[in-house]
Amino acid sequence: MKNIKYMITSGFLGAGKTTTMIALSKEMEKRALSAAVLANDLGAKNNVDADYTAMEGILTAQVSGDCICYQHEELIEKLRRLSGIGADIVFSDIPGCGIGALDHVYLEIKRRNEDEEIELLPFTCVADPKRLKMIMPESKDMNLPEEMKFLVDAQMKEADLIFLNKTDLLSDAEQSFCMDFLRKNYPDTPVFPISALTGDGVGEAADYILSHPSEATYREIGYGSEKFLAAEEKLSWYNQRIFMEEKDGKNVDFNQVLEDIFEGIRDGLKMEHGNVPHLKAFAVGEGKDYVKASLLGVDYSIEFSRRLEQEYTAISCMINARAATDAERMQAIADDVFEFILQKYNLRGRTFFMETFGMTEEGKENGGRASRYD
């Protein structure tokens, strides 16, 4: 393949990694560089972000089933395939609880990359000002397990470059406070303020990315430590693809349906003292009509990146939840919510795909093997 530029984007759940990769891809297009996004997540190939990115007109591929840290051969194959169809630069993410990709991906590529077909761009962490408050001096309570603080800090320690994202939501004073904190606590790492949503700062960030290849050197961040394992034990994944159809053929406002689903999951988690660091839904109508909704925690407002412009009699919807509760509880809450929603809107529903698992749950990757304890 031709030489291709490659950048990993990390960051905690809901930081805006996908929106950042889309913004960077569009910025690269302005510079006559063809960009692609390689979406990565745990679980099977039912990824809201991949479908959303493709609808935004970005060349998109997926590596699913596990983090790219453990799928090196498939990652290289996908990079070669994207390069073969014209991509000059590929942005990929890792799951929002993930650390260790600098070591497991960048250093591995550097070791094998004898013909230098892959140019490693800065390993970049996207920081959300709201999540950042978890580790700032005031240590704001985010209703997330205390163990999550380790992940937020470790992701930035691992990075060659940090983006303070969502600056459109900050006052000048708030932005300065966050920037000062990042520069003080990660003094060897350049920090750029950006709004991936509005595009502010993305051009300057792209200039840096293209002119500063990654040194790809090992950093000790606590990967595999007790703190890392304790944090992962607190998280579960829930993925569903459901087809919903109005029984009498009437049009339905599916924007409101999704909003009610989110509110139901929020209420259920609150009752169980759980949280959902990132809940996402995506559905497509006719043509380019689609809806993308997100919830970044039980105490936050639902965010719509876009709403459906029309009502429909039926729609296929994808739901991804990354929850701070156990997998069985998350599934039970979701089941109750969907049962209520189907009745409320006179819908019949058919689930074509559903999976739920804890991050460290036994059996998740056993491939049918049994366990035995003596």
Protein backbone atom coordinates (compact mmCIF):
# COMPACT_ATOMS: atom_id res chain seq x y z
CA MET A 1 0.00 0.00 0.00
CA LYS A 2 1.03 3.64 -0.29
CA ASN A 3 2.24 5.33 2.88
CA ILE A 4 -0.72 6.26 5.07
CA LYS A 5 -1.00 8.55 8.07
CA TYR A 6 -2.68 7.04 11.11
CA MET A 7 -3.90 8.59 14.38
CA ILE A 8 -5.55 7.03 17.43
CA THR A 9 -8.04 9.13 19.36
CA SER A 10 -8.69 8.23 22.99
CA GLY A 11 -10.77 9.89 25.67
CA PHE A 12 -13.33 9.05 28.32
CA LEU A 13 -16.88 8.03 27.47
CA GLY A 14 -18.77 10.94 25.94
CA ALA A 15 -15.73 13.18 25.40
CA GLY A 16 -16.59 13.66 21.73
CA LYS A 17 -14.08 11.36 20.02
CA THR A 18 -16.34 10.60 17.06
CA THR A 19 -17.31 14.23 16.52
CA THR A 20 -13.63 15.17 16.73
CA MET A 21 -12.64 12.57 14.13
CA ILE A 22 -15.41 13.78 11.82
CA ALA A 23 -14.28 17.41 12.24
CA LEU A 24 -10.66 16.49 11.58
CA SER A 25 -11.64 14.43 8.54
CA LYS A 26 -13.51 17.37 7.04
CA GLU A 27 -10.58 19.65 7.81
CA MET A 28 -8.21 17.27 6.01
CA GLU A 29 -10.48 17.28 2.98
CA LYS A 30 -9.96 21.06 2.80
CA ARG A 31 -6.24 20.31 2.52
CA ALA A 32 -6.76 17.87 -0.36
CA LEU A 33 -6.17 14.88 1.91
CA SER A 34 -8.66 12.03 1.74
CA ALA A 35 -9.59 11.04 5.30
CA ALA A 36 -11.25 7.94 6.71
CA VAL A 37 -12.51 6.92 10.16
CA LEU A 38 -11.97 3.45 11.57
CA ALA A 39 -14.55 3.02 14.33
CA ASN A 40 -13.67 0.65 17.16
CA ASP A 41 -15.73 -0.63 20.04
CA LEU A 42 -16.36 -3.70 22.15
CA GLY A 43 -19.11 -6.12 21.24
CA ALA A 44 -20.46 -7.10 17.84
CA LYS A 45 -20.76 -4.90 14.78
CA ASN A 46 -23.60 -2.67 15.98
CA ASN A 47 -21.85 0.64 16.50
CA VAL A 48 -23.84 3.89 16.56
CA ASP A 49 -20.71 5.95 15.89
CA ALA A 50 -19.80 4.01 12.74
CA ASP A 51 -23.24 4.52 11.18
CA TYR A 52 -23.32 8.16 12.26
CA THR A 53 -19.87 8.84 10.77
CA ALA A 54 -20.84 7.25 7.46
CA MET A 55 -24.01 9.39 7.32
CA GLU A 56 -21.78 12.44 7.69
CA GLY A 57 -20.16 11.53 4.39
CA ILE A 58 -16.89 10.19 5.82
CA LEU A 59 -15.28 7.01 4.48
CA THR A 60 -15.86 4.61 7.37
CA ALA A 61 -14.84 1.10 8.42
CA GLN A 62 -15.12 -0.84 11.68
CA VAL A 63 -13.03 -3.06 13.90
CA SER A 64 -15.47 -4.61 16.35
CA GLY A 65 -15.52 -7.36 18.94
CA ASP A 66 -12.70 -5.99 21.06
CA CYS A 67 -10.30 -3.06 21.36
CA ILE A 68 -7.83 -2.64 18.49
CA CYS A 69 -5.15 -3.24 21.13
CA TYR A 70 -5.87 -6.95 20.72
CA GLN A 71 -6.67 -7.08 16.99
CA HIS A 72 -3.43 -5.98 15.39
CA GLU A 73 -3.71 -8.07 12.22
CA GLU A 74 -7.25 -6.90 11.48
CA LEU A 75 -6.26 -3.30 12.17
CA ILE A 76 -3.40 -3.45 9.67
CA GLU A 77 -5.65 -5.14 7.11
CA LYS A 78 -8.27 -2.39 7.49
CA LEU A 79 -5.64 0.34 7.18
CA ARG A 80 -4.33 -1.25 4.00
CA ARG A 81 -7.83 -1.59 2.60
CA LEU A 82 -8.67 2.04 3.33
CA SER A 83 -5.39 3.13 1.79
CA GLY A 84 -6.15 1.02 -1.26
CA ILE A 85 -9.39 2.88 -1.89
CA GLY A 86 -7.75 6.28 -1.58
CA ALA A 87 -7.45 7.26 2.09
CA ASP A 88 -4.41 9.41 2.87
CA ILE A 89 -5.09 9.59 6.59
CA VAL A 90 -7.07 7.37 8.95
CA PHE A 91 -8.40 8.36 12.36
CA SER A 92 -9.47 5.61 14.73
CA ASP A 93 -10.77 5.58 18.28
CA ILE A 94 -10.62 3.10 21.12
CA PRO A 95 -13.42 2.34 23.62
CA GLY A 96 -14.03 5.19 26.02
CA CYS A 97 -12.78 3.23 29.01
CA GLY A 98 -9.64 2.17 27.17
CA ILE A 99 -5.98 2.77 27.90
CA GLY A 100 -2.87 1.00 26.67
CA ALA A 101 -3.22 1.54 22.91
CA LEU A 102 0.00 3.57 22.76
CA ASP A 103 1.87 0.48 23.86
CA HIS A 104 -0.26 -2.21 22.25
CA VAL A 105 -0.89 -0.48 18.91
CA TYR A 106 1.59 2.32 18.24
CA LEU A 107 4.66 0.54 19.60
CA GLU A 108 3.63 -2.68 17.88
CA ILE A 109 3.20 -0.90 14.54
CA LYS A 110 6.54 0.84 15.06
CA ARG A 111 8.19 -2.53 15.71
CA ARG A 112 6.72 -4.18 12.61
CA ASN A 113 6.70 -1.14 10.33
CA GLU A 114 10.05 -1.81 8.67
CA ASP A 115 9.04 -0.36 5.29
CA GLU A 116 7.46 2.67 7.04
CA GLU A 117 4.16 2.23 5.23
CA ILE A 118 2.33 3.69 8.26
CA GLU A 119 3.16 7.16 9.58
CA LEU A 120 2.07 7.47 13.19
CA LEU A 121 0.49 10.83 14.00
CA PRO A 122 0.23 12.09 17.60
CA PHE A 123 -1.63 9.77 19.96
CA THR A 124 -4.45 12.13 20.91
CA CYS A 125 -6.73 12.28 23.94
CA VAL A 126 -10.00 14.21 23.76
CA ALA A 127 -10.94 15.72 27.13
CA ASP A 128 -14.48 16.73 28.06
CA PRO A 129 -14.53 19.73 30.45
CA LYS A 130 -17.36 18.11 32.45
CA ARG A 131 -15.47 14.84 32.95
CA LEU A 132 -12.28 16.77 33.62
CA LYS A 133 -13.87 18.10 36.81
CA MET A 134 -13.66 14.58 38.24
CA ILE A 135 -9.90 15.02 38.70
CA MET A 136 -9.67 18.79 39.15
CA PRO A 137 -9.10 20.37 42.58
CA GLU A 138 -12.81 20.80 43.30
CA SER A 139 -13.33 17.13 42.34
CA LYS A 140 -16.96 17.53 41.36
CA ASP A 141 -19.18 14.53 42.06
CA MET A 142 -20.28 13.13 38.69
CA ASN A 143 -22.31 10.28 40.22
CA LEU A 144 -19.76 7.93 38.70
CA PRO A 145 -17.72 5.35 40.62
CA GLU A 146 -14.60 6.78 42.23
CA GLU A 147 -12.55 4.27 40.25
CA MET A 148 -13.32 6.14 36.99
CA LYS A 149 -10.95 8.94 37.99
CA PHE A 150 -8.01 6.65 37.27
CA LEU A 151 -9.09 6.18 33.65
CA VAL A 152 -9.59 9.90 32.99
CA ASP A 153 -6.10 10.67 34.31
CA ALA A 154 -4.37 7.70 32.66
CA GLN A 155 -5.80 8.54 29.23
CA MET A 156 -4.19 11.97 29.32
CA LYS A 157 -0.89 10.65 30.70
CA GLU A 158 -0.74 8.31 27.70
CA ALA A 159 -1.29 11.01 25.09
CA ASP A 160 1.12 12.85 22.79
CA LEU A 161 -1.53 15.54 22.39
CA ILE A 162 -4.62 16.64 24.34
CA PHE A 163 -7.69 18.37 22.93
CA LEU A 164 -9.86 20.29 25.38
CA ASN A 165 -13.12 19.71 23.52
CA LYS A 166 -16.54 21.38 23.75
CA THR A 167 -15.14 24.87 24.26
CA ASP A 168 -18.38 26.21 22.78
CA LEU A 169 -19.95 25.32 26.13
CA LEU A 170 -17.36 27.21 28.20
CA SER A 171 -16.94 30.83 29.16
CA ASP A 172 -13.52 32.37 28.57
CA ALA A 173 -12.76 32.05 32.28
CA GLU A 174 -13.81 28.39 32.38
CA GLN A 175 -11.71 27.59 29.33
CA SER A 176 -8.66 29.30 30.82
CA PHE A 177 -9.13 27.40 34.08
CA CYS A 178 -9.31 24.04 32.29
CA MET A 179 -6.34 24.85 30.05
CA ASP A 180 -4.24 25.92 33.03
CA PHE A 181 -5.10 22.68 34.83
CA LEU A 182 -4.14 20.53 31.84
CA ARG A 183 -0.87 22.36 31.21
CA LYS A 184 0.10 22.15 34.88
CA ASN A 185 -0.72 18.48 35.32
CA TYR A 186 0.50 17.25 31.91
CA PRO A 187 3.35 19.73 31.30
CA ASP A 188 5.07 17.76 28.55
CA THR A 189 1.91 17.37 26.46
CA PRO A 190 0.66 20.08 24.06
CA VAL A 191 -2.96 21.09 24.69
CA PHE A 192 -5.30 22.58 22.10
CA PRO A 193 -8.76 24.02 22.87
CA ILE A 194 -11.27 22.96 20.22
CA SER A 195 -14.96 22.66 19.56
CA ALA A 196 -15.43 19.67 17.30
CA LEU A 197 -19.07 20.69 16.97
CA THR A 198 -18.49 24.23 15.70
CA GLY A 199 -15.02 23.71 14.21
CA ASP A 200 -13.32 26.31 16.39
CA GLY A 201 -9.63 25.46 16.83
CA VAL A 202 -9.78 22.39 14.57
CA GLY A 203 -7.61 24.01 11.88
CA GLU A 204 -4.82 24.79 14.35
CA ALA A 205 -5.07 21.28 15.79
CA ALA A 206 -4.81 19.79 12.27
CA ASP A 207 -1.70 21.89 11.58
CA TYR A 208 -0.03 20.38 14.64
CA ILE A 209 -1.11 16.83 13.84
CA LEU A 210 0.31 16.97 10.33
CA SER A 211 3.64 18.47 11.40
CA HIS A 212 4.40 16.40 14.52
CA PRO A 213 4.62 12.63 14.04
CA SER A 214 4.40 10.53 17.18
CA GLU A 215 7.63 9.47 18.83
CA ALA A 216 5.78 6.32 19.93
CA THR A 217 7.69 5.85 23.16
CA TYR A 218 6.51 3.80 26.14
CA ARG A 219 4.78 5.56 29.04
CA GLU A 220 3.90 3.95 32.35
CA ILE A 221 0.23 4.73 32.98
CA GLY A 222 -0.86 1.86 35.18
CA TYR A 223 -2.30 -0.38 32.49
CA GLY A 224 -3.19 -3.75 34.02
CA SER A 225 -2.82 -2.41 37.55
CA GLU A 226 -5.28 -2.98 40.37
CA LYS A 227 -6.71 0.50 39.79
CA PHE A 228 -7.25 -0.26 36.12
CA LEU A 229 -8.99 -3.56 36.85
CA ALA A 230 -11.11 -1.95 39.57
CA ALA A 231 -12.28 0.72 37.12
CA GLU A 232 -13.15 -1.78 34.39
CA GLU A 233 -15.12 -3.92 36.84
CA LYS A 234 -17.54 -1.01 37.30
CA LEU A 235 -18.55 -0.83 33.63
CA SER A 236 -20.94 -2.76 31.42
CA TRP A 237 -21.87 -2.60 27.73
CA TYR A 238 -25.39 -2.83 26.26
CA ASN A 239 -26.04 -2.89 22.50
CA GLN A 240 -29.41 -3.33 20.79
CA ARG A 241 -30.83 -3.03 17.30
CA ILE A 242 -34.63 -2.92 17.35
CA PHE A 243 -37.24 -2.44 14.64
CA MET A 244 -40.30 -0.53 15.85
CA GLU A 245 -43.53 -0.28 13.82
CA GLU A 246 -46.84 1.44 14.58
CA LYS A 247 -49.45 -1.31 14.65
CA ASP A 248 -52.12 0.66 12.72
CA GLY A 249 -49.76 2.16 10.15
CA LYS A 250 -49.89 5.66 11.66
CA ASN A 251 -46.97 8.10 11.64
CA VAL A 252 -45.00 8.44 14.86
CA ASP A 253 -42.61 11.10 16.14
CA PHE A 254 -39.62 8.82 16.73
CA ASN A 255 -37.60 11.72 18.10
CA GLN A 256 -39.99 11.69 21.04
CA VAL A 257 -39.88 7.91 21.23
CA LEU A 258 -36.09 7.99 21.63
CA GLU A 259 -36.33 10.79 24.17
CA ASP A 260 -38.79 8.73 26.23
CA ILE A 261 -36.50 5.68 26.00
CA PHE A 262 -33.61 7.74 27.32
CA GLU A 263 -35.71 9.19 30.14
CA GLY A 264 -36.88 5.71 31.10
CA ILE A 265 -33.32 4.37 31.24
CA ARG A 266 -32.25 7.44 33.21
CA ASP A 267 -35.03 6.91 35.78
CA GLY A 268 -34.29 3.20 36.06
CA LEU A 269 -30.60 3.78 36.68
CA LYS A 270 -31.30 6.47 39.25
CA MET A 271 -33.52 4.08 41.18
CA GLU A 272 -30.69 1.53 41.16
CA HIS A 273 -28.02 4.15 42.00
CA GLY A 274 -26.36 3.50 38.64
CA ASN A 275 -25.26 5.76 35.83
CA VAL A 276 -24.68 5.73 32.11
CA PRO A 277 -21.52 7.64 31.12
CA HIS A 278 -22.61 7.34 27.50
CA LEU A 279 -25.96 6.34 26.04
CA LYS A 280 -26.32 6.73 22.27
CA ALA A 281 -29.12 6.12 19.77
CA PHE A 282 -29.13 6.35 15.98
CA ALA A 283 -31.86 5.81 13.39
CA VAL A 284 -32.20 6.67 9.71
CA GLY A 285 -35.31 7.81 7.88
CA GLU A 286 -35.58 8.57 4.17
CA GLY A 287 -32.55 9.81 2.29
CA LYS A 288 -30.30 11.81 4.59
CA ASP A 289 -32.90 12.18 7.32
CA TYR A 290 -31.58 10.73 10.57
CA VAL A 291 -31.53 11.15 14.33
CA LYS A 292 -28.53 10.92 16.66
CA ALA A 293 -29.15 11.32 20.40
CA SER A 294 -26.77 11.10 23.37
CA LEU A 295 -26.93 11.13 27.14
CA LEU A 296 -23.71 11.60 29.13
CA GLY A 297 -25.07 10.70 32.54
CA VAL A 298 -28.21 10.59 34.64
CA ASP A 299 -27.75 14.21 35.68
CA TYR A 300 -27.39 15.61 32.15
CA SER A 301 -29.80 16.75 29.49
CA ILE A 302 -30.38 14.62 26.40
CA GLU A 303 -28.39 15.96 23.44
CA PHE A 304 -29.60 15.64 19.86
CA SER A 305 -26.86 16.06 17.26
CA ARG A 306 -29.70 15.88 14.78
CA ARG A 307 -33.41 15.10 14.82
CA LEU A 308 -35.59 13.37 12.25
CA GLU A 309 -37.31 15.92 10.07
CA GLN A 310 -40.29 13.67 9.36
CA GLU A 311 -42.54 11.24 11.17
CA TYR A 312 -42.51 7.59 10.13
CA THR A 313 -44.67 4.51 10.61
CA ALA A 314 -41.64 2.34 11.37
CA ILE A 315 -37.93 2.68 11.99
CA SER A 316 -34.88 0.58 12.81
CA CYS A 317 -32.97 1.98 15.77
CA MET A 318 -29.56 1.21 17.22
CA ILE A 319 -28.89 1.75 20.93
CA ASN A 320 -25.45 1.68 22.59
CA ALA A 321 -25.10 2.12 26.34
CA ARG A 322 -21.90 2.18 28.37
CA ALA A 323 -23.16 1.94 31.92
CA ALA A 324 -21.74 2.19 35.41
CA THR A 325 -23.83 -0.71 36.68
CA ASP A 326 -23.77 -4.46 36.22
CA ALA A 327 -24.86 -5.95 32.90
CA GLU A 328 -27.89 -7.86 34.22
CA ARG A 329 -29.29 -4.75 35.88
CA MET A 330 -28.73 -2.69 32.73
CA GLN A 331 -30.56 -5.27 30.62
CA ALA A 332 -33.47 -5.48 33.05
CA ILE A 333 -33.88 -1.69 33.05
CA ALA A 334 -33.77 -1.55 29.24
CA ASP A 335 -36.25 -4.42 28.89
CA ASP A 336 -38.76 -2.67 31.17
CA VAL A 337 -38.35 0.61 29.31
CA PHE A 338 -38.91 -0.90 25.88
CA GLU A 339 -41.95 -2.84 27.06
CA PHE A 340 -43.47 0.42 28.34
CA ILE A 341 -42.55 2.43 25.21
CA LEU A 342 -44.01 -0.12 22.81
CA GLN A 343 -47.31 -0.02 24.67
CA LYS A 344 -47.35 3.77 25.00
CA TYR A 345 -46.90 4.38 21.27
CA ASN A 346 -48.88 1.34 20.02
CA LEU A 347 -45.75 -0.16 18.51
CA ARG A 348 -44.72 -3.69 17.78
CA GLY A 349 -41.04 -4.25 18.26
CA ARG A 350 -38.65 -6.84 16.97
CA THR A 351 -35.15 -7.03 18.37
CA PHE A 352 -32.70 -8.18 15.71
CA PHE A 353 -29.66 -7.91 17.94
CA MET A 354 -28.99 -7.51 21.64
CA GLU A 355 -25.91 -8.08 23.78
CA THR A 356 -24.94 -7.02 27.25
CA PHE A 357 -21.79 -7.81 29.18
CA GLY A 358 -19.60 -6.59 31.98
CA MET A 359 -16.12 -5.43 31.08
CA THR A 360 -14.49 -8.20 33.11
CA GLU A 361 -17.36 -10.67 32.99
CA GLU A 362 -16.47 -14.33 32.72
CA GLY A 363 -17.76 -15.93 29.52
CA LYS A 364 -17.68 -12.73 27.46
CA GLU A 365 -14.85 -14.02 25.28
CA ASN A 366 -14.74 -17.71 26.12
CA GLY A 367 -15.89 -18.91 22.68
CA GLY A 368 -18.10 -21.61 24.18
CA ARG A 369 -15.51 -22.95 26.60
CA ALA A 370 -16.57 -24.11 30.03
CA SER A 371 -15.11 -23.07 33.38
CA ARG A 372 -14.21 -25.30 36.27
CA TYR A 373 -13.30 -24.39 39.83
CA ASP A 374 -11.66 -26.96 42.09
